[in-house]
Every structure is written in structure tokens, then in C-alpha cells.
Amino acid sequence: MKGKKTLFALGPAGTNGHEAAKIAIETLLSRRGKNAVFDVAFVETNIAVLDEAMHKKSYGVVPVENSSAGIVDVVRNFWWTKEPKNDLYVIGKIRLPVEHCLLTQGIFVLTGLERVISHPQALLQCAKYLDRIGVKDRVPATSTARAAQILRDGPSEKSGAIASYFAAELYGLYVAARGIEDFQGNVTFFHVVGPEPSTATGDDQTAIIFKVPNEKGALMRILLAISLYGDANMDAIHSIPLGLSHDYAFYCEFDGHRDDPAGKRILHLLEDIAERLVVLGSFPRPLYLRESAL
């Protein structure tokens, strides 16, 4: 079909990435090409999402931060190590409320569960609940939806999975408990990536990764460049370990588009101060979504 494009997401069907992909298509991507039709293609890891989108000049959706479990290191590290000549940009950001459910093969006394399967982030986000019901064996899976698949196909009646309500319906599993995340209001932020940068909308943010020289006041000069000389609000900053002792880069998001006068001024200042600067892209301010069934 003419104009048909691919959007890669973490699979299998039923993941939070799948939900974010659907929303990205319905909102952000539909505005970039009126005649474009998007198919969601599933891969097994978030790094594979980025690799496929980059090498096939296509699109992808990956999680970058969860409000209770923190940043997704493998995604941030991808941007720091990728080849500059390979064009891939962050073009959107989605704020997705997440509700975790405990799924079983049927009605079951929860205190009798011996193991629970899920994505490592979901296991972290529900750790206190699992402690409370006495589950010690926590088995990692490549995604919450994959955990639901494993549970559906497995013979053990003493196993459960942490996944979404949507996944329970998709795979025919019983929802033993809903909203089991340790912190209410659990939210995951997703980046939408694509082969071409986004244009300014007037209400944008820019994501960067930078490394400062190992000298007194270097980080402070970066922060001042953003907040004072650039006159922009900094929405997020996280350190990224680079593998050596006391060797870090920093991920940052600030208000404004890279092509706006203020954005250009900030990036010019940072190029002079930082040891290395990587601009991931600029994107419209995150979409705030309805409570999700995923």
C-alpha cells in the first residue's frame, strides 16, 4: 500500500509498548503524514526496536523512564554509543499511566503462589506486593505480555504473571488482582523515534545527553547555560554510568525546540562547555493520556 510505514515496538502483542505504539499512531504520527498507514511490528527487546527503526529508516516506540523504577538505562546508552551518521531522532514523547495486574490460570489463593513471571521493570514496580503475598521466585521475561504467554502455555497452577488487563483478555487469563504496583499513579514515559526530526510546534522539549570535563564547576556551568543563559526550564536530568569509576554522562530534557532561537543558544553554549554533546531530538510536550487498561 502506498504510504505504508512500520512502527516497531516491544512484543509480543499486549505490552505497554504496544499500547504506546497505538497511541503514537493515532495522535502524533497521524499528523506527520495524512496518507500514511502504520503497521506495528513486534521485536524482542527495546534495543532491537531502536536498531530496526534506525537501519530501516522507520519508526519505533521505547520506554525511557518509569515513575517508580527510574530510567531505562539500555535505551539511554543506545544514544550515547550509536554512530552519529545513522539518522534517528526522538520525535515524540508519550506519558502512559500503567496498571499492573496479577494474572493466574484460574481462581487461586494468592498466598499459594510460588513464582511470578514478568518483565524486570514490572517485578521491581510490584516488589512490595510480591513480598506481602510471599512470592520469592520472581522470573524475568522479555515483556509483560510474554510473561502472560508463558503462564498461559505453562502447566504450573502455582505460577502467576504480572501483566496488563488487556493481556489477560488477550491470552485468556484470570485477573487475580489489579493495581498491584507499589506506587499509585505509576507512569511510564515512552519516546517515539523516527528517521526525520520533528518541526517546532511552539510547545516543545529537547532531549540531550552530555558529558562534562572532570573539573570543578563543569556541571554547574551546563545547568546555568540551560536555565539562565538559555532562559529555559529543565524538565529532567539523570546521570548515566559509562562503565568506569566516576565516569558519567547526563541525560537532560529542557523546554524549547532545537531550532528555536533559545534552543540554538543553549546547544551552542553546551557545545563549548561539554566534552561531548548528543542531541536526541526535539518533540511536542508529552501527551497526557487517559488511564490505560494496559
Protein backbone atom coordinates (compact mmCIF):
# COMPACT_ATOMS: atom_id res chain seq x y z
CA MET A 1 0.00 0.00 0.00
CA LYS A 2 1.31 3.44 -0.93
CA GLY A 3 2.50 5.39 2.08
CA LYS A 4 2.58 2.34 4.35
CA LYS A 5 5.10 2.65 7.21
CA THR A 6 6.27 0.44 10.06
CA LEU A 7 6.37 1.29 13.74
CA PHE A 8 8.44 -1.10 15.86
CA ALA A 9 7.52 -1.91 19.47
CA LEU A 10 8.45 -4.41 22.15
CA GLY A 11 6.41 -7.56 21.68
CA PRO A 12 4.50 -9.72 21.76
CA ALA A 13 1.07 -8.14 21.35
CA GLY A 14 -0.33 -6.77 24.58
CA THR A 15 2.71 -4.96 26.01
CA ASN A 16 2.67 -1.39 27.30
CA GLY A 17 4.85 -0.61 24.29
CA HIS A 18 2.05 -1.94 22.07
CA GLU A 19 -0.39 0.46 23.73
CA ALA A 20 2.04 3.36 23.38
CA ALA A 21 2.54 2.47 19.71
CA LYS A 22 -1.20 2.56 19.06
CA ILE A 23 -1.50 5.96 20.72
CA ALA A 24 1.52 7.28 18.82
CA ILE A 25 -0.09 6.26 15.52
CA GLU A 26 -3.47 7.74 16.43
CA THR A 27 -2.06 11.08 17.58
CA LEU A 28 1.50 12.13 16.84
CA LEU A 29 2.27 10.14 13.68
CA SER A 30 -1.09 10.73 12.02
CA ARG A 31 -0.26 14.43 11.94
CA ARG A 32 3.09 13.86 10.18
CA GLY A 33 1.60 12.26 7.09
CA LYS A 34 -2.10 12.39 6.32
CA ASN A 35 -1.97 9.50 3.86
CA ALA A 36 0.44 7.29 5.81
CA VAL A 37 -0.74 3.94 7.15
CA PHE A 38 1.26 2.42 10.01
CA ASP A 39 1.70 -1.25 10.88
CA VAL A 40 3.03 -2.24 14.31
CA ALA A 41 5.88 -4.77 14.10
CA PHE A 42 6.97 -6.55 17.28
CA VAL A 43 10.56 -7.33 18.28
CA GLU A 44 12.00 -8.97 21.40
CA THR A 45 13.98 -6.12 23.01
CA ASN A 46 13.83 -2.34 23.22
CA ILE A 47 17.31 -2.11 21.71
CA ALA A 48 16.00 -4.10 18.76
CA VAL A 49 13.23 -1.51 18.39
CA LEU A 50 15.83 1.25 18.06
CA ASP A 51 18.11 -0.78 15.79
CA GLU A 52 15.28 -1.73 13.43
CA ALA A 53 13.95 1.83 13.28
CA MET A 54 17.44 3.20 12.60
CA HIS A 55 18.59 0.73 9.97
CA LYS A 56 15.24 0.54 8.16
CA LYS A 57 14.63 4.31 8.35
CA SER A 58 11.35 3.63 10.08
CA TYR A 59 9.70 4.40 13.44
CA GLY A 60 9.73 2.96 16.93
CA VAL A 61 8.44 3.35 20.47
CA VAL A 62 10.63 2.66 23.53
CA PRO A 63 10.25 3.30 27.27
CA VAL A 64 12.71 5.80 28.73
CA GLU A 65 11.56 6.29 32.31
CA ASN A 66 9.14 4.90 34.87
CA SER A 67 7.95 6.98 37.81
CA SER A 68 8.75 4.22 40.33
CA ALA A 69 11.58 2.18 38.76
CA GLY A 70 13.55 5.05 37.23
CA ILE A 71 15.30 5.39 33.89
CA VAL A 72 15.70 2.64 31.31
CA ASP A 73 19.49 2.51 31.07
CA VAL A 74 19.77 0.39 27.91
CA VAL A 75 17.76 2.93 25.90
CA ARG A 76 19.77 5.91 27.12
CA ASN A 77 23.04 4.05 26.48
CA PHE A 78 21.97 3.36 22.90
CA TRP A 79 22.00 7.06 22.07
CA TRP A 80 25.40 7.58 23.64
CA THR A 81 27.05 4.76 21.67
CA LYS A 82 25.26 4.88 18.30
CA GLU A 83 27.10 6.09 15.21
CA PRO A 84 26.34 9.79 14.52
CA LYS A 85 25.91 9.10 10.77
CA ASN A 86 22.91 6.83 11.45
CA ASP A 87 19.97 9.21 11.43
CA LEU A 88 17.40 8.57 14.13
CA TYR A 89 15.60 11.20 16.16
CA VAL A 90 13.29 11.40 19.12
CA ILE A 91 10.18 12.96 17.59
CA GLY A 92 7.60 12.44 20.34
CA LYS A 93 7.06 11.55 23.96
CA ILE A 94 4.07 9.78 25.48
CA ARG A 95 3.07 9.70 29.13
CA LEU A 96 1.30 6.38 29.72
CA PRO A 97 -0.39 5.54 33.05
CA VAL A 98 0.34 1.90 33.85
CA GLU A 99 -1.75 -0.52 35.89
CA HIS A 100 -0.16 -3.85 36.72
CA CYS A 101 -2.33 -6.91 37.30
CA LEU A 102 -1.54 -10.27 38.84
CA LEU A 103 -2.71 -12.95 36.43
CA THR A 104 -3.26 -16.65 37.08
CA GLN A 105 -4.58 -19.59 35.08
CA GLY A 106 -7.76 -19.60 37.14
CA ILE A 107 -9.20 -18.64 40.51
CA PHE A 108 -6.43 -19.23 43.03
CA VAL A 109 -5.49 -18.45 46.63
CA LEU A 110 -2.72 -15.88 46.18
CA THR A 111 -0.76 -16.95 49.24
CA GLY A 112 -0.23 -20.30 47.50
CA LEU A 113 1.67 -18.81 44.58
CA GLU A 114 5.26 -19.99 44.38
CA ARG A 115 6.57 -17.95 41.45
CA VAL A 116 5.65 -14.91 39.39
CA ILE A 117 6.86 -14.14 35.87
CA SER A 118 7.20 -10.66 34.36
CA HIS A 119 9.45 -8.06 32.82
CA PRO A 120 12.19 -6.99 35.27
CA GLN A 121 10.79 -3.44 35.45
CA ALA A 122 7.34 -4.76 36.38
CA LEU A 123 8.83 -7.05 39.03
CA LEU A 124 10.59 -4.03 40.53
CA GLN A 125 7.46 -1.91 40.40
CA CYS A 126 5.46 -4.59 42.27
CA ALA A 127 8.17 -5.78 44.68
CA LYS A 128 6.40 -4.81 47.91
CA TYR A 129 3.18 -6.50 46.83
CA LEU A 130 5.04 -9.71 45.98
CA ASP A 131 6.77 -9.57 49.37
CA ARG A 132 3.39 -9.19 51.03
CA ILE A 133 1.91 -12.33 49.44
CA GLY A 134 5.12 -14.28 49.98
CA VAL A 135 6.35 -14.81 46.42
CA LYS A 136 10.12 -15.29 46.43
CA ASP A 137 10.69 -16.83 42.99
CA ARG A 138 10.50 -13.95 40.51
CA VAL A 139 11.26 -14.98 36.95
CA PRO A 140 12.24 -12.34 34.37
CA ALA A 141 10.66 -12.28 30.92
CA THR A 142 11.32 -10.10 27.90
CA SER A 143 7.99 -8.30 28.37
CA THR A 144 4.85 -8.40 30.49
CA ALA A 145 2.90 -9.78 27.53
CA ARG A 146 5.48 -12.54 27.06
CA ALA A 147 5.03 -13.39 30.74
CA ALA A 148 1.30 -13.77 30.11
CA GLN A 149 2.04 -16.07 27.16
CA ILE A 150 4.38 -18.21 29.27
CA LEU A 151 1.76 -18.50 32.00
CA ARG A 152 -0.96 -19.43 29.52
CA ASP A 153 1.16 -22.19 27.99
CA GLY A 154 2.70 -23.49 31.24
CA PRO A 155 1.35 -26.39 33.33
CA SER A 156 2.01 -24.99 36.81
CA GLU A 157 -1.06 -23.95 38.82
CA LYS A 158 1.21 -22.27 41.39
CA SER A 159 2.55 -19.67 38.96
CA GLY A 160 1.36 -16.18 38.17
CA ALA A 161 2.32 -13.34 35.87
CA ILE A 162 2.36 -9.58 36.17
CA ALA A 163 0.89 -8.06 33.04
CA SER A 164 -1.92 -5.81 31.88
CA TYR A 165 -5.67 -6.27 31.96
CA PHE A 166 -5.51 -6.14 28.17
CA ALA A 167 -3.01 -9.03 28.15
CA ALA A 168 -5.30 -11.05 30.43
CA GLU A 169 -8.15 -10.70 27.95
CA LEU A 170 -5.87 -11.38 25.00
CA TYR A 171 -4.44 -14.60 26.45
CA GLY A 172 -7.47 -15.87 28.36
CA LEU A 173 -6.08 -15.50 31.89
CA TYR A 174 -7.77 -14.75 35.20
CA VAL A 175 -7.17 -11.35 36.81
CA ALA A 176 -6.45 -12.23 40.44
CA ALA A 177 -5.62 -8.66 41.48
CA ARG A 178 -5.50 -5.23 39.86
CA GLY A 179 -3.38 -2.18 40.61
CA ILE A 180 -0.64 -4.11 42.41
CA GLU A 181 2.11 -1.59 41.68
CA ASP A 182 3.84 -0.33 44.83
CA PHE A 183 3.30 3.33 43.97
CA GLN A 184 -0.09 4.55 42.81
CA GLY A 185 -0.01 6.84 39.81
CA ASN A 186 2.63 4.65 38.16
CA VAL A 187 3.54 6.21 34.82
CA THR A 188 5.90 5.17 32.03
CA PHE A 189 7.27 7.69 29.55
CA PHE A 190 7.90 6.48 26.02
CA HIS A 191 9.96 8.06 23.27
CA VAL A 192 8.68 7.92 19.71
CA VAL A 193 11.61 7.78 17.28
CA GLY A 194 11.77 8.33 13.54
CA PRO A 195 14.09 8.95 10.58
CA GLU A 196 13.45 12.69 10.33
CA PRO A 197 13.44 15.38 13.04
CA SER A 198 10.19 16.98 14.12
CA THR A 199 9.32 20.57 13.33
CA ALA A 200 8.65 23.12 16.04
CA THR A 201 5.09 23.38 17.39
CA GLY A 202 5.59 26.25 19.85
CA ASP A 203 5.29 23.91 22.85
CA ASP A 204 8.27 21.58 22.60
CA GLN A 205 11.02 19.93 24.58
CA THR A 206 14.53 18.83 23.60
CA ALA A 207 16.40 15.75 24.85
CA ILE A 208 20.18 15.68 25.06
CA ILE A 209 22.99 13.60 26.56
CA PHE A 210 26.23 15.30 27.51
CA LYS A 211 29.50 14.58 29.27
CA VAL A 212 31.29 17.30 31.20
CA PRO A 213 35.04 17.64 31.74
CA ASN A 214 36.21 16.23 35.08
CA GLU A 215 36.85 19.62 36.62
CA LYS A 216 35.34 21.81 39.30
CA GLY A 217 32.11 23.57 38.36
CA ALA A 218 31.73 21.92 34.93
CA LEU A 219 28.25 20.54 35.56
CA MET A 220 27.13 23.81 37.15
CA ARG A 221 28.13 25.71 34.00
CA ILE A 222 25.97 23.36 31.94
CA LEU A 223 22.97 23.88 34.21
CA LEU A 224 23.44 27.64 34.17
CA ALA A 225 23.67 27.61 30.38
CA ILE A 226 20.25 25.95 30.23
CA SER A 227 18.41 27.80 32.99
CA LEU A 228 19.93 31.27 32.86
CA TYR A 229 21.65 32.00 29.57
CA GLY A 230 19.22 29.89 27.59
CA ASP A 231 16.23 31.01 29.68
CA ALA A 232 14.65 27.54 29.56
CA ASN A 233 13.19 25.26 32.20
CA MET A 234 14.98 21.94 32.67
CA ASP A 235 12.38 19.19 32.95
CA ALA A 236 14.65 16.22 33.77
CA ILE A 237 18.26 15.28 34.43
CA HIS A 238 19.70 11.82 35.12
CA SER A 239 23.24 10.50 35.38
CA ILE A 240 24.34 7.66 33.09
CA PRO A 241 27.25 5.46 34.28
CA LEU A 242 29.74 4.89 31.46
CA GLY A 243 31.46 1.84 32.91
CA LEU A 244 34.48 3.42 34.61
CA SER A 245 34.73 4.72 38.16
CA HIS A 246 33.44 8.32 38.41
CA ASP A 247 32.78 8.38 34.65
CA TYR A 248 29.29 9.63 33.87
CA ALA A 249 27.24 11.26 31.16
CA PHE A 250 23.98 13.09 31.87
CA TYR A 251 20.60 12.83 30.20
CA CYS A 252 18.61 16.06 30.20
CA GLU A 253 15.35 17.44 28.81
CA PHE A 254 14.69 21.17 28.59
CA ASP A 255 11.81 23.27 27.30
CA GLY A 256 12.08 24.51 23.74
CA HIS A 257 12.91 23.22 20.26
CA ARG A 258 16.45 22.82 18.96
CA ASP A 259 15.62 25.12 16.03
CA ASP A 260 14.12 27.91 18.17
CA PRO A 261 16.41 30.87 18.96
CA ALA A 262 16.59 29.87 22.64
CA GLY A 263 17.21 26.23 21.78
CA LYS A 264 20.01 27.12 19.37
CA ARG A 265 21.57 29.37 22.03
CA ILE A 266 21.51 26.60 24.64
CA LEU A 267 23.01 23.99 22.32
CA HIS A 268 25.71 26.41 21.17
CA LEU A 269 26.68 27.11 24.78
CA LEU A 270 26.70 23.41 25.62
CA GLU A 271 28.92 22.58 22.66
CA ASP A 272 31.51 24.98 24.10
CA ILE A 273 31.28 23.61 27.65
CA ALA A 274 30.60 19.88 27.29
CA GLU A 275 33.25 17.30 26.49
CA ARG A 276 30.67 15.63 24.25
CA LEU A 277 27.08 16.51 23.36
CA VAL A 278 24.46 14.26 21.71
CA VAL A 279 21.11 15.78 20.70
CA LEU A 280 18.44 13.08 20.64
CA GLY A 281 15.79 15.34 19.17
CA SER A 282 13.02 17.80 19.87
CA PHE A 283 9.38 16.85 20.28
CA PRO A 284 5.97 18.22 21.30
CA ARG A 285 5.36 18.31 25.04
CA PRO A 286 4.32 14.82 26.29
CA LEU A 287 0.77 13.72 25.65
CA TYR A 288 -1.20 13.20 28.85
CA LEU A 289 -3.42 10.20 28.33
CA ARG A 290 -6.46 8.61 29.84
CA GLU A 291 -5.98 5.88 32.43
CA SER A 292 -4.88 2.86 30.44
CA ALA A 293 -6.10 -0.72 30.65
CA LEU A 294 -2.55 -1.84 29.87
